[in-house]
N, C-alpha and C. Protein backbone atom coordinates (compact mmCIF):
# COMPACT_ATOMS: atom_id res chain seq x y z
N MET A 1 -56.91 -112.49 -0.57
CA MET A 1 -55.56 -112.89 -0.11
C MET A 1 -55.35 -114.37 -0.43
N GLU A 2 -54.80 -114.63 -1.63
CA GLU A 2 -54.63 -116.02 -2.08
C GLU A 2 -53.21 -116.53 -1.85
N GLU A 3 -52.34 -115.64 -1.41
CA GLU A 3 -50.92 -115.97 -1.30
C GLU A 3 -50.66 -117.16 -0.39
N LYS A 4 -49.86 -118.10 -0.86
CA LYS A 4 -49.43 -119.21 0.00
C LYS A 4 -48.34 -118.74 0.94
N GLY A 5 -48.16 -119.45 2.05
CA GLY A 5 -47.15 -119.07 3.04
C GLY A 5 -47.77 -118.26 4.17
N ILE A 6 -46.97 -117.37 4.75
CA ILE A 6 -47.40 -116.61 5.93
C ILE A 6 -47.29 -115.12 5.63
N LEU A 7 -48.33 -114.37 6.01
CA LEU A 7 -48.30 -112.91 5.92
C LEU A 7 -48.72 -112.34 7.27
N VAL A 8 -47.82 -111.57 7.88
CA VAL A 8 -48.11 -110.89 9.16
C VAL A 8 -48.11 -109.40 8.89
N GLU A 9 -49.24 -108.74 9.18
CA GLU A 9 -49.38 -107.31 8.88
C GLU A 9 -49.61 -106.50 10.14
N HIS A 10 -48.64 -105.70 10.52
CA HIS A 10 -48.77 -104.70 11.59
C HIS A 10 -49.41 -105.29 12.87
N VAL A 11 -48.77 -106.34 13.37
CA VAL A 11 -49.31 -107.04 14.54
C VAL A 11 -48.77 -106.43 15.84
N PHE A 12 -49.69 -106.20 16.77
CA PHE A 12 -49.38 -105.69 18.11
C PHE A 12 -49.92 -106.69 19.14
N LYS A 13 -49.19 -106.88 20.23
CA LYS A 13 -49.67 -107.73 21.32
C LYS A 13 -49.07 -107.24 22.64
N SER A 14 -49.95 -106.97 23.61
CA SER A 14 -49.50 -106.55 24.95
C SER A 14 -50.07 -107.48 25.99
N PHE A 15 -49.36 -107.57 27.10
CA PHE A 15 -49.86 -108.27 28.29
C PHE A 15 -49.86 -107.23 29.41
N GLY A 16 -51.05 -106.72 29.73
CA GLY A 16 -51.09 -105.60 30.69
C GLY A 16 -50.40 -104.40 30.07
N LYS A 17 -49.44 -103.84 30.78
CA LYS A 17 -48.72 -102.67 30.27
C LYS A 17 -47.49 -103.05 29.45
N GLU A 18 -47.19 -104.35 29.42
CA GLU A 18 -45.99 -104.79 28.70
C GLU A 18 -46.30 -105.02 27.21
N LYS A 19 -45.69 -104.19 26.36
CA LYS A 19 -45.88 -104.33 24.92
C LYS A 19 -44.86 -105.35 24.41
N VAL A 20 -45.34 -106.50 23.95
CA VAL A 20 -44.44 -107.58 23.52
C VAL A 20 -44.22 -107.53 22.01
N LEU A 21 -45.29 -107.36 21.26
CA LEU A 21 -45.17 -107.21 19.80
C LEU A 21 -45.62 -105.81 19.43
N LYS A 22 -44.75 -105.07 18.75
CA LYS A 22 -45.08 -103.70 18.38
C LYS A 22 -44.88 -103.52 16.88
N ASP A 23 -45.98 -103.58 16.15
CA ASP A 23 -45.98 -103.34 14.71
C ASP A 23 -45.06 -104.30 13.97
N VAL A 24 -45.30 -105.61 14.15
CA VAL A 24 -44.50 -106.64 13.47
C VAL A 24 -45.16 -106.98 12.12
N SER A 25 -44.38 -106.91 11.05
CA SER A 25 -44.84 -107.32 9.72
C SER A 25 -43.78 -108.21 9.09
N LEU A 26 -44.22 -109.30 8.46
CA LEU A 26 -43.28 -110.15 7.73
C LEU A 26 -44.02 -111.00 6.71
N VAL A 27 -43.28 -111.42 5.70
CA VAL A 27 -43.84 -112.28 4.65
C VAL A 27 -42.92 -113.48 4.49
N ILE A 28 -43.49 -114.69 4.58
CA ILE A 28 -42.70 -115.91 4.38
C ILE A 28 -43.34 -116.68 3.23
N LYS A 29 -42.61 -116.78 2.14
CA LYS A 29 -43.13 -117.44 0.94
C LYS A 29 -42.74 -118.92 0.93
N PRO A 30 -43.46 -119.74 0.16
CA PRO A 30 -43.07 -121.14 0.01
C PRO A 30 -41.62 -121.24 -0.48
N GLY A 31 -40.89 -122.20 0.08
CA GLY A 31 -39.49 -122.38 -0.31
C GLY A 31 -38.55 -121.39 0.34
N GLN A 32 -39.00 -120.78 1.45
CA GLN A 32 -38.16 -119.83 2.19
C GLN A 32 -38.05 -120.24 3.65
N ILE A 33 -36.85 -120.01 4.22
CA ILE A 33 -36.70 -120.12 5.68
C ILE A 33 -36.47 -118.70 6.19
N TYR A 34 -37.35 -118.28 7.07
CA TYR A 34 -37.33 -116.93 7.62
C TYR A 34 -36.93 -117.03 9.09
N GLY A 35 -35.84 -116.41 9.44
CA GLY A 35 -35.35 -116.49 10.82
C GLY A 35 -35.82 -115.31 11.67
N ILE A 36 -36.17 -115.58 12.92
CA ILE A 36 -36.41 -114.49 13.86
C ILE A 36 -35.44 -114.62 15.02
N VAL A 37 -34.81 -113.50 15.34
CA VAL A 37 -33.82 -113.48 16.42
C VAL A 37 -34.20 -112.39 17.42
N GLY A 38 -33.61 -112.49 18.62
CA GLY A 38 -33.89 -111.51 19.66
C GLY A 38 -33.68 -112.15 21.01
N ASN A 39 -33.50 -111.33 22.02
CA ASN A 39 -33.28 -111.83 23.37
C ASN A 39 -34.54 -112.50 23.91
N ASN A 40 -34.39 -113.26 25.00
CA ASN A 40 -35.55 -113.80 25.68
C ASN A 40 -36.47 -112.64 26.07
N GLY A 41 -37.77 -112.84 25.83
CA GLY A 41 -38.71 -111.78 26.16
C GLY A 41 -38.95 -110.80 25.03
N SER A 42 -38.27 -111.02 23.87
CA SER A 42 -38.44 -110.09 22.75
C SER A 42 -39.69 -110.38 21.93
N GLY A 43 -40.36 -111.49 22.23
CA GLY A 43 -41.65 -111.76 21.58
C GLY A 43 -41.63 -112.83 20.50
N LYS A 44 -40.51 -113.55 20.35
CA LYS A 44 -40.43 -114.57 19.29
C LYS A 44 -41.53 -115.64 19.47
N THR A 45 -41.62 -116.18 20.67
CA THR A 45 -42.59 -117.25 20.92
C THR A 45 -44.01 -116.72 20.85
N VAL A 46 -44.23 -115.50 21.33
CA VAL A 46 -45.58 -114.89 21.26
C VAL A 46 -46.01 -114.73 19.80
N LEU A 47 -45.09 -114.25 18.96
CA LEU A 47 -45.40 -114.10 17.53
C LEU A 47 -45.77 -115.45 16.93
N MET A 48 -45.00 -116.48 17.26
CA MET A 48 -45.28 -117.81 16.71
C MET A 48 -46.64 -118.32 17.18
N LYS A 49 -46.97 -118.08 18.44
CA LYS A 49 -48.27 -118.52 18.96
C LYS A 49 -49.42 -117.78 18.28
N CYS A 50 -49.20 -116.51 17.95
CA CYS A 50 -50.23 -115.74 17.22
C CYS A 50 -50.44 -116.31 15.82
N ILE A 51 -49.33 -116.66 15.14
CA ILE A 51 -49.43 -117.23 13.79
C ILE A 51 -50.18 -118.57 13.82
N CYS A 52 -49.94 -119.35 14.88
CA CYS A 52 -50.58 -120.67 15.00
C CYS A 52 -52.03 -120.58 15.47
N GLY A 53 -52.46 -119.39 15.89
CA GLY A 53 -53.83 -119.24 16.40
C GLY A 53 -53.99 -119.56 17.87
N PHE A 54 -52.86 -119.81 18.56
CA PHE A 54 -52.93 -120.12 20.01
C PHE A 54 -53.18 -118.85 20.83
N MET A 55 -52.80 -117.69 20.27
CA MET A 55 -53.07 -116.39 20.89
C MET A 55 -53.64 -115.47 19.83
N ARG A 56 -54.41 -114.49 20.25
CA ARG A 56 -54.94 -113.50 19.32
C ARG A 56 -54.17 -112.19 19.48
N PRO A 57 -53.72 -111.58 18.38
CA PRO A 57 -53.08 -110.27 18.50
C PRO A 57 -54.10 -109.20 18.89
N ASP A 58 -53.63 -108.12 19.51
CA ASP A 58 -54.52 -107.00 19.86
C ASP A 58 -54.91 -106.24 18.60
N LYS A 59 -53.95 -106.08 17.70
CA LYS A 59 -54.19 -105.38 16.44
C LYS A 59 -53.39 -106.08 15.36
N GLY A 60 -53.81 -105.88 14.10
CA GLY A 60 -53.07 -106.45 12.98
C GLY A 60 -53.74 -107.70 12.42
N LYS A 61 -53.19 -108.17 11.31
CA LYS A 61 -53.77 -109.33 10.62
C LYS A 61 -52.68 -110.37 10.36
N ILE A 62 -53.07 -111.63 10.45
CA ILE A 62 -52.17 -112.74 10.14
C ILE A 62 -52.88 -113.68 9.18
N TYR A 63 -52.22 -113.98 8.06
CA TYR A 63 -52.76 -114.92 7.08
C TYR A 63 -51.80 -116.10 6.95
N VAL A 64 -52.37 -117.30 6.89
CA VAL A 64 -51.58 -118.50 6.58
C VAL A 64 -52.26 -119.19 5.41
N ASP A 65 -51.50 -119.36 4.33
CA ASP A 65 -52.04 -119.93 3.08
C ASP A 65 -53.32 -119.21 2.65
N GLY A 66 -53.30 -117.89 2.75
CA GLY A 66 -54.41 -117.08 2.24
C GLY A 66 -55.60 -116.94 3.16
N LYS A 67 -55.59 -117.62 4.31
CA LYS A 67 -56.73 -117.54 5.23
C LYS A 67 -56.35 -116.74 6.47
N ARG A 68 -57.23 -115.82 6.84
CA ARG A 68 -56.93 -114.97 7.99
C ARG A 68 -57.22 -115.73 9.28
N ILE A 69 -56.20 -115.75 10.16
CA ILE A 69 -56.33 -116.45 11.44
C ILE A 69 -57.25 -115.66 12.36
N GLY A 70 -58.23 -116.36 12.95
CA GLY A 70 -59.19 -115.72 13.83
C GLY A 70 -60.42 -115.21 13.12
N LYS A 71 -60.37 -115.23 11.76
CA LYS A 71 -61.55 -114.80 11.00
C LYS A 71 -62.01 -115.91 10.05
N ASP A 72 -61.14 -116.27 9.09
CA ASP A 72 -61.49 -117.36 8.16
C ASP A 72 -61.34 -118.73 8.84
N VAL A 73 -60.30 -118.86 9.64
CA VAL A 73 -60.05 -120.10 10.41
C VAL A 73 -59.51 -119.73 11.79
N ASP A 74 -59.79 -120.58 12.78
CA ASP A 74 -59.22 -120.35 14.12
C ASP A 74 -57.76 -120.77 14.17
N PHE A 75 -57.46 -121.88 13.49
CA PHE A 75 -56.10 -122.41 13.46
C PHE A 75 -55.74 -122.70 12.01
N PRO A 76 -54.48 -122.44 11.62
CA PRO A 76 -54.08 -122.77 10.25
C PRO A 76 -54.24 -124.26 9.98
N GLU A 77 -54.61 -124.60 8.74
CA GLU A 77 -54.92 -125.99 8.43
C GLU A 77 -53.67 -126.84 8.19
N SER A 78 -52.76 -126.34 7.38
CA SER A 78 -51.60 -127.16 7.01
C SER A 78 -50.35 -126.56 7.64
N ILE A 79 -50.17 -126.88 8.93
CA ILE A 79 -49.06 -126.28 9.67
C ILE A 79 -48.46 -127.31 10.61
N GLY A 80 -47.14 -127.31 10.71
CA GLY A 80 -46.43 -128.16 11.67
C GLY A 80 -45.71 -127.25 12.66
N VAL A 81 -45.75 -127.62 13.93
CA VAL A 81 -45.32 -126.68 14.97
C VAL A 81 -44.43 -127.35 16.01
N ILE A 82 -43.33 -126.65 16.38
CA ILE A 82 -42.63 -126.93 17.63
C ILE A 82 -42.54 -125.60 18.37
N ILE A 83 -43.25 -125.51 19.47
CA ILE A 83 -43.14 -124.32 20.33
C ILE A 83 -42.89 -124.82 21.75
N GLU A 84 -41.77 -124.39 22.33
CA GLU A 84 -41.35 -124.85 23.65
C GLU A 84 -41.11 -126.37 23.61
N THR A 85 -40.97 -127.01 24.77
CA THR A 85 -40.62 -128.43 24.78
C THR A 85 -41.82 -129.26 24.32
N PRO A 86 -41.62 -130.12 23.32
CA PRO A 86 -42.76 -130.94 22.85
C PRO A 86 -43.33 -131.79 23.99
N GLY A 87 -44.65 -131.83 24.08
CA GLY A 87 -45.31 -132.61 25.14
C GLY A 87 -45.76 -133.97 24.61
N PHE A 88 -45.30 -135.02 25.24
CA PHE A 88 -45.69 -136.37 24.83
C PHE A 88 -46.15 -137.17 26.06
N ILE A 89 -46.85 -138.29 25.81
CA ILE A 89 -47.29 -139.17 26.89
C ILE A 89 -46.09 -140.00 27.32
N PRO A 90 -45.59 -139.80 28.58
CA PRO A 90 -44.30 -140.37 28.96
C PRO A 90 -44.22 -141.89 28.93
N HIS A 91 -45.35 -142.60 29.22
CA HIS A 91 -45.25 -144.07 29.30
C HIS A 91 -45.47 -144.76 27.95
N GLU A 92 -45.73 -143.98 26.89
CA GLU A 92 -45.91 -144.55 25.55
C GLU A 92 -44.60 -144.44 24.76
N THR A 93 -44.45 -145.29 23.75
CA THR A 93 -43.27 -145.20 22.87
C THR A 93 -43.41 -143.99 21.94
N GLY A 94 -42.33 -143.67 21.25
CA GLY A 94 -42.37 -142.58 20.28
C GLY A 94 -43.39 -142.84 19.19
N PHE A 95 -43.38 -144.07 18.66
CA PHE A 95 -44.33 -144.42 17.60
C PHE A 95 -45.77 -144.28 18.10
N SER A 96 -46.04 -144.79 19.30
CA SER A 96 -47.41 -144.72 19.84
C SER A 96 -47.87 -143.28 20.02
N ASN A 97 -46.96 -142.43 20.51
CA ASN A 97 -47.30 -141.02 20.68
C ASN A 97 -47.71 -140.39 19.34
N LEU A 98 -46.90 -140.64 18.31
CA LEU A 98 -47.21 -140.02 17.01
C LEU A 98 -48.47 -140.63 16.39
N LYS A 99 -48.71 -141.91 16.66
CA LYS A 99 -49.92 -142.56 16.14
C LYS A 99 -51.17 -141.92 16.76
N ILE A 100 -51.09 -141.64 18.07
CA ILE A 100 -52.23 -141.00 18.76
C ILE A 100 -52.48 -139.61 18.17
N LEU A 101 -51.39 -138.84 17.97
CA LEU A 101 -51.53 -137.49 17.43
C LEU A 101 -52.02 -137.52 15.98
N ALA A 102 -51.51 -138.47 15.19
CA ALA A 102 -51.94 -138.58 13.79
C ALA A 102 -53.43 -138.94 13.71
N GLY A 103 -53.92 -139.67 14.71
CA GLY A 103 -55.32 -140.08 14.74
C GLY A 103 -56.30 -138.91 14.87
N LEU A 104 -55.81 -137.75 15.33
CA LEU A 104 -56.69 -136.59 15.51
C LEU A 104 -57.20 -136.08 14.16
N LYS A 105 -56.33 -136.08 13.16
CA LYS A 105 -56.74 -135.59 11.82
C LYS A 105 -57.01 -136.73 10.85
N GLY A 106 -56.39 -137.87 11.09
CA GLY A 106 -56.59 -139.02 10.21
C GLY A 106 -56.04 -138.85 8.80
N LEU A 107 -54.98 -138.04 8.68
CA LEU A 107 -54.41 -137.78 7.35
C LEU A 107 -53.37 -138.81 6.94
N ILE A 108 -52.72 -139.44 7.91
CA ILE A 108 -51.62 -140.35 7.60
C ILE A 108 -51.77 -141.66 8.39
N GLY A 109 -51.07 -142.68 7.91
CA GLY A 109 -51.11 -143.99 8.57
C GLY A 109 -49.76 -144.40 9.13
N ARG A 110 -49.65 -145.67 9.47
CA ARG A 110 -48.44 -146.20 10.12
C ARG A 110 -47.18 -145.98 9.29
N ASP A 111 -47.29 -146.18 7.97
CA ASP A 111 -46.10 -146.09 7.11
C ASP A 111 -45.49 -144.69 7.14
N GLU A 112 -46.36 -143.67 7.04
CA GLU A 112 -45.86 -142.29 7.07
C GLU A 112 -45.25 -141.95 8.43
N ILE A 113 -45.86 -142.45 9.49
CA ILE A 113 -45.32 -142.19 10.84
C ILE A 113 -43.93 -142.82 10.96
N ARG A 114 -43.79 -144.08 10.54
CA ARG A 114 -42.50 -144.77 10.60
C ARG A 114 -41.45 -144.02 9.77
N GLU A 115 -41.85 -143.62 8.58
CA GLU A 115 -40.92 -142.94 7.67
C GLU A 115 -40.40 -141.64 8.30
N ASN A 116 -41.28 -140.88 8.95
CA ASN A 116 -40.86 -139.61 9.53
C ASN A 116 -40.04 -139.79 10.80
N ILE A 117 -40.29 -140.85 11.55
CA ILE A 117 -39.44 -141.15 12.71
C ILE A 117 -38.02 -141.48 12.24
N LYS A 118 -37.92 -142.24 11.15
CA LYS A 118 -36.60 -142.55 10.59
C LYS A 118 -35.91 -141.29 10.07
N LYS A 119 -36.71 -140.40 9.47
CA LYS A 119 -36.18 -139.17 8.87
C LYS A 119 -35.43 -138.32 9.89
N VAL A 120 -35.86 -138.36 11.16
CA VAL A 120 -35.21 -137.55 12.20
C VAL A 120 -34.15 -138.36 12.98
N GLY A 121 -33.84 -139.57 12.48
CA GLY A 121 -32.75 -140.34 13.09
C GLY A 121 -33.14 -141.19 14.28
N LEU A 122 -34.43 -141.50 14.43
CA LEU A 122 -34.88 -142.39 15.51
C LEU A 122 -35.36 -143.71 14.92
N ASP A 123 -35.49 -144.72 15.78
CA ASP A 123 -35.93 -146.05 15.36
C ASP A 123 -37.42 -146.19 15.69
N PRO A 124 -38.29 -146.35 14.68
CA PRO A 124 -39.73 -146.46 14.96
C PRO A 124 -40.11 -147.69 15.78
N ASP A 125 -39.22 -148.70 15.80
CA ASP A 125 -39.51 -149.93 16.55
C ASP A 125 -38.96 -149.90 17.98
N MET A 126 -38.35 -148.79 18.37
CA MET A 126 -37.78 -148.71 19.72
C MET A 126 -38.88 -148.79 20.78
N LYS A 127 -38.68 -149.68 21.77
CA LYS A 127 -39.70 -149.92 22.79
C LYS A 127 -39.58 -148.99 24.00
N LYS A 128 -38.50 -148.21 24.03
CA LYS A 128 -38.29 -147.31 25.18
C LYS A 128 -39.41 -146.27 25.25
N PRO A 129 -40.03 -146.08 26.44
CA PRO A 129 -41.06 -145.05 26.56
C PRO A 129 -40.44 -143.65 26.46
N VAL A 130 -41.22 -142.70 25.97
CA VAL A 130 -40.71 -141.35 25.75
C VAL A 130 -40.21 -140.70 27.04
N GLY A 131 -40.80 -141.10 28.18
CA GLY A 131 -40.36 -140.57 29.48
C GLY A 131 -38.90 -140.88 29.78
N LYS A 132 -38.33 -141.89 29.09
CA LYS A 132 -36.92 -142.24 29.30
C LYS A 132 -36.03 -141.72 28.17
N TYR A 133 -36.58 -140.95 27.26
CA TYR A 133 -35.79 -140.35 26.18
C TYR A 133 -34.89 -139.25 26.74
N SER A 134 -33.75 -139.05 26.09
CA SER A 134 -32.93 -137.86 26.38
C SER A 134 -33.63 -136.64 25.79
N LEU A 135 -33.20 -135.46 26.20
CA LEU A 135 -33.78 -134.22 25.67
C LEU A 135 -33.64 -134.17 24.14
N GLY A 136 -32.48 -134.58 23.63
CA GLY A 136 -32.26 -134.58 22.19
C GLY A 136 -33.20 -135.52 21.44
N MET A 137 -33.44 -136.71 22.03
CA MET A 137 -34.36 -137.66 21.40
C MET A 137 -35.79 -137.12 21.38
N ARG A 138 -36.19 -136.47 22.48
CA ARG A 138 -37.54 -135.87 22.53
C ARG A 138 -37.66 -134.78 21.46
N GLN A 139 -36.58 -134.03 21.30
CA GLN A 139 -36.60 -132.95 20.31
C GLN A 139 -36.73 -133.52 18.90
N ARG A 140 -36.00 -134.60 18.63
CA ARG A 140 -36.10 -135.26 17.32
C ARG A 140 -37.54 -135.74 17.08
N LEU A 141 -38.13 -136.34 18.11
CA LEU A 141 -39.52 -136.82 17.99
C LEU A 141 -40.47 -135.64 17.75
N GLY A 142 -40.18 -134.52 18.40
CA GLY A 142 -40.98 -133.31 18.19
C GLY A 142 -40.91 -132.83 16.75
N ILE A 143 -39.73 -132.91 16.15
CA ILE A 143 -39.57 -132.53 14.74
C ILE A 143 -40.34 -133.50 13.85
N ALA A 144 -40.27 -134.81 14.17
CA ALA A 144 -41.03 -135.81 13.40
C ALA A 144 -42.52 -135.51 13.46
N GLN A 145 -42.99 -135.14 14.65
CA GLN A 145 -44.42 -134.81 14.83
C GLN A 145 -44.79 -133.58 13.99
N ALA A 146 -43.90 -132.58 13.95
CA ALA A 146 -44.19 -131.35 13.21
C ALA A 146 -44.28 -131.58 11.70
N ILE A 147 -43.47 -132.52 11.18
CA ILE A 147 -43.40 -132.68 9.71
C ILE A 147 -44.22 -133.86 9.19
N MET A 148 -44.74 -134.73 10.08
CA MET A 148 -45.25 -136.03 9.63
C MET A 148 -46.47 -135.93 8.72
N GLU A 149 -47.27 -134.87 8.86
CA GLU A 149 -48.48 -134.75 8.01
C GLU A 149 -48.22 -133.90 6.76
N ASN A 150 -46.94 -133.70 6.47
CA ASN A 150 -46.53 -132.99 5.25
C ASN A 150 -47.16 -131.60 5.16
N PRO A 151 -47.01 -130.77 6.20
CA PRO A 151 -47.64 -129.45 6.19
C PRO A 151 -46.95 -128.50 5.21
N ASN A 152 -47.69 -127.48 4.76
CA ASN A 152 -47.12 -126.45 3.88
C ASN A 152 -46.23 -125.49 4.65
N VAL A 153 -46.58 -125.29 5.93
CA VAL A 153 -45.95 -124.25 6.76
C VAL A 153 -45.39 -124.90 8.02
N LEU A 154 -44.16 -124.51 8.40
CA LEU A 154 -43.54 -125.01 9.63
C LEU A 154 -43.18 -123.83 10.53
N ILE A 155 -43.58 -123.92 11.80
CA ILE A 155 -43.25 -122.92 12.81
C ILE A 155 -42.36 -123.61 13.83
N LEU A 156 -41.09 -123.26 13.86
CA LEU A 156 -40.10 -124.00 14.65
C LEU A 156 -39.40 -123.06 15.64
N ASP A 157 -39.74 -123.22 16.91
CA ASP A 157 -39.18 -122.38 17.97
C ASP A 157 -38.05 -123.16 18.64
N GLU A 158 -36.81 -122.78 18.39
CA GLU A 158 -35.64 -123.46 18.96
C GLU A 158 -35.70 -124.99 18.71
N PRO A 159 -35.82 -125.41 17.45
CA PRO A 159 -36.02 -126.84 17.18
C PRO A 159 -34.79 -127.71 17.46
N PHE A 160 -33.60 -127.09 17.63
CA PHE A 160 -32.38 -127.87 17.84
C PHE A 160 -32.00 -127.99 19.31
N ASN A 161 -32.86 -127.53 20.21
CA ASN A 161 -32.60 -127.63 21.66
C ASN A 161 -32.25 -129.06 22.06
N GLY A 162 -31.17 -129.22 22.82
CA GLY A 162 -30.84 -130.54 23.36
C GLY A 162 -30.14 -131.47 22.39
N LEU A 163 -29.97 -131.04 21.14
CA LEU A 163 -29.30 -131.90 20.17
C LEU A 163 -27.78 -131.71 20.24
N ASP A 164 -27.04 -132.81 20.06
CA ASP A 164 -25.59 -132.67 20.01
C ASP A 164 -25.19 -132.13 18.63
N LYS A 165 -23.90 -131.90 18.46
CA LYS A 165 -23.40 -131.27 17.23
C LYS A 165 -23.83 -132.04 15.98
N HIS A 166 -23.71 -133.38 16.06
CA HIS A 166 -24.08 -134.23 14.93
C HIS A 166 -25.59 -134.12 14.66
N GLY A 167 -26.38 -134.11 15.73
CA GLY A 167 -27.83 -134.02 15.60
C GLY A 167 -28.25 -132.70 14.98
N VAL A 168 -27.61 -131.62 15.40
CA VAL A 168 -27.91 -130.29 14.85
C VAL A 168 -27.64 -130.30 13.35
N GLU A 169 -26.50 -130.87 12.95
CA GLU A 169 -26.13 -130.91 11.53
C GLU A 169 -27.17 -131.71 10.73
N GLU A 170 -27.61 -132.83 11.29
CA GLU A 170 -28.63 -133.66 10.61
C GLU A 170 -29.93 -132.90 10.43
N MET A 171 -30.36 -132.19 11.48
CA MET A 171 -31.63 -131.48 11.43
C MET A 171 -31.54 -130.24 10.53
N ARG A 172 -30.37 -129.60 10.47
CA ARG A 172 -30.19 -128.49 9.51
C ARG A 172 -30.38 -129.01 8.09
N GLN A 173 -29.78 -130.17 7.81
CA GLN A 173 -29.90 -130.77 6.48
C GLN A 173 -31.37 -131.07 6.16
N LEU A 174 -32.09 -131.57 7.17
CA LEU A 174 -33.51 -131.89 6.98
C LEU A 174 -34.30 -130.62 6.64
N LEU A 175 -34.01 -129.51 7.33
CA LEU A 175 -34.71 -128.25 7.05
C LEU A 175 -34.42 -127.76 5.64
N LYS A 176 -33.18 -127.95 5.19
CA LYS A 176 -32.83 -127.54 3.82
C LYS A 176 -33.64 -128.37 2.80
N GLU A 177 -33.82 -129.65 3.10
CA GLU A 177 -34.62 -130.52 2.21
C GLU A 177 -36.08 -130.07 2.19
N LEU A 178 -36.61 -129.72 3.38
CA LEU A 178 -38.01 -129.28 3.47
C LEU A 178 -38.21 -127.96 2.73
N LYS A 179 -37.23 -127.09 2.83
CA LYS A 179 -37.27 -125.82 2.08
C LYS A 179 -37.31 -126.11 0.58
N ALA A 180 -36.46 -127.05 0.13
CA ALA A 180 -36.41 -127.39 -1.30
C ALA A 180 -37.73 -127.98 -1.78
N GLN A 181 -38.49 -128.59 -0.86
CA GLN A 181 -39.82 -129.13 -1.21
C GLN A 181 -40.88 -128.03 -1.28
N GLY A 182 -40.50 -126.78 -0.94
CA GLY A 182 -41.46 -125.68 -1.05
C GLY A 182 -42.16 -125.31 0.23
N LYS A 183 -41.65 -125.80 1.37
CA LYS A 183 -42.27 -125.41 2.66
C LYS A 183 -41.92 -123.94 2.98
N ALA A 184 -42.87 -123.26 3.61
CA ALA A 184 -42.62 -121.93 4.17
C ALA A 184 -42.27 -122.15 5.65
N ILE A 185 -41.05 -121.79 6.05
CA ILE A 185 -40.55 -122.14 7.38
C ILE A 185 -40.18 -120.89 8.17
N LEU A 186 -40.74 -120.78 9.38
CA LEU A 186 -40.35 -119.72 10.31
C LEU A 186 -39.54 -120.36 11.43
N LEU A 187 -38.31 -119.89 11.62
CA LEU A 187 -37.36 -120.51 12.54
C LEU A 187 -36.86 -119.49 13.56
N ALA A 188 -36.95 -119.85 14.84
CA ALA A 188 -36.30 -119.06 15.89
C ALA A 188 -35.17 -119.89 16.47
N SER A 189 -33.98 -119.31 16.56
CA SER A 189 -32.84 -120.00 17.16
C SER A 189 -31.91 -119.00 17.81
N HIS A 190 -31.34 -119.42 18.97
CA HIS A 190 -30.34 -118.59 19.64
C HIS A 190 -28.96 -118.76 19.00
N ASN A 191 -28.84 -119.79 18.15
CA ASN A 191 -27.55 -120.10 17.56
C ASN A 191 -27.36 -119.31 16.26
N ALA A 192 -26.39 -118.39 16.26
CA ALA A 192 -26.17 -117.52 15.10
C ALA A 192 -25.88 -118.34 13.85
N ARG A 193 -25.20 -119.48 14.01
CA ARG A 193 -24.85 -120.28 12.83
C ARG A 193 -26.09 -120.89 12.18
N ASP A 194 -27.07 -121.32 13.01
CA ASP A 194 -28.34 -121.84 12.44
C ASP A 194 -28.96 -120.78 11.54
N ILE A 195 -29.03 -119.57 12.06
CA ILE A 195 -29.67 -118.46 11.33
C ILE A 195 -28.88 -118.15 10.06
N GLU A 196 -27.57 -118.06 10.20
CA GLU A 196 -26.70 -117.70 9.07
C GLU A 196 -26.76 -118.75 7.97
N GLU A 197 -26.74 -120.02 8.37
CA GLU A 197 -26.64 -121.10 7.39
C GLU A 197 -27.99 -121.42 6.73
N LEU A 198 -29.08 -121.23 7.49
CA LEU A 198 -30.38 -121.72 7.00
C LEU A 198 -31.29 -120.65 6.42
N CYS A 199 -31.17 -119.40 6.91
CA CYS A 199 -32.25 -118.44 6.66
C CYS A 199 -32.00 -117.55 5.43
N ASP A 200 -33.08 -117.36 4.66
CA ASP A 200 -33.04 -116.44 3.52
C ASP A 200 -33.22 -115.00 3.97
N ILE A 201 -34.05 -114.82 4.99
CA ILE A 201 -34.36 -113.48 5.53
C ILE A 201 -34.32 -113.60 7.05
N VAL A 202 -33.86 -112.55 7.70
CA VAL A 202 -33.80 -112.55 9.18
C VAL A 202 -34.50 -111.30 9.70
N HIS A 203 -35.35 -111.49 10.69
CA HIS A 203 -36.07 -110.39 11.34
C HIS A 203 -35.61 -110.31 12.79
N ASP A 204 -35.04 -109.17 13.16
CA ASP A 204 -34.60 -108.97 14.53
C ASP A 204 -35.72 -108.36 15.34
N MET A 205 -36.24 -109.11 16.31
CA MET A 205 -37.37 -108.64 17.11
C MET A 205 -37.07 -107.37 17.88
N GLU A 206 -35.78 -107.12 18.14
CA GLU A 206 -35.41 -105.91 18.89
C GLU A 206 -35.56 -104.66 18.03
N ASP A 207 -35.47 -104.82 16.71
CA ASP A 207 -35.47 -103.65 15.81
C ASP A 207 -36.78 -102.88 15.85
N VAL A 208 -37.87 -103.57 16.24
CA VAL A 208 -39.16 -102.90 16.21
C VAL A 208 -39.24 -101.77 17.22
N TRP A 209 -38.27 -101.71 18.14
CA TRP A 209 -38.31 -100.67 19.15
C TRP A 209 -37.54 -99.43 18.71
N GLU A 210 -36.82 -99.52 17.61
CA GLU A 210 -35.97 -98.39 17.20
C GLU A 210 -36.81 -97.27 16.58
């Protein structure tokens, strides 16, 4: 399995008697944005956590960039993630938070961190601690964190939460640029326009029950 991007094959996941993922299969190739839609509880976030290696499926296989999650690697190597509200150290600045996170892998330095903070419309020199950020600012910082190490694959669960109309438009444009760079992007959004405007393929999580 040498294919770049994401391959999900016949994945099942239950919690007790509740079947959350029932025979989910999808392929996300480089340069594609793949949308997943469905009501709360339909399994969008669970599927994303399985792809990231945060949860193990009961059955089925998941490959990211040709490596099987849980067998070849525990966690995908080149992946950027926003799942639920991004968690940051409240008393540190945005730049300091990203510097601490970048230090875990040591792939990028100050310049790349600054560049990605600017890319999402924030000021890398802002002294305000993240605990005083608005929800939209935290979300922008979360997007900067997801893209800053130039990952091949992006897993974005409601990435536009808390953004105003202008912010949503800016971040949609950013996703289009990342797609043009050849990223494989999985996007969950409650906003039909996000899905319509951005996605090449759409998977309805409710359809698996039909």
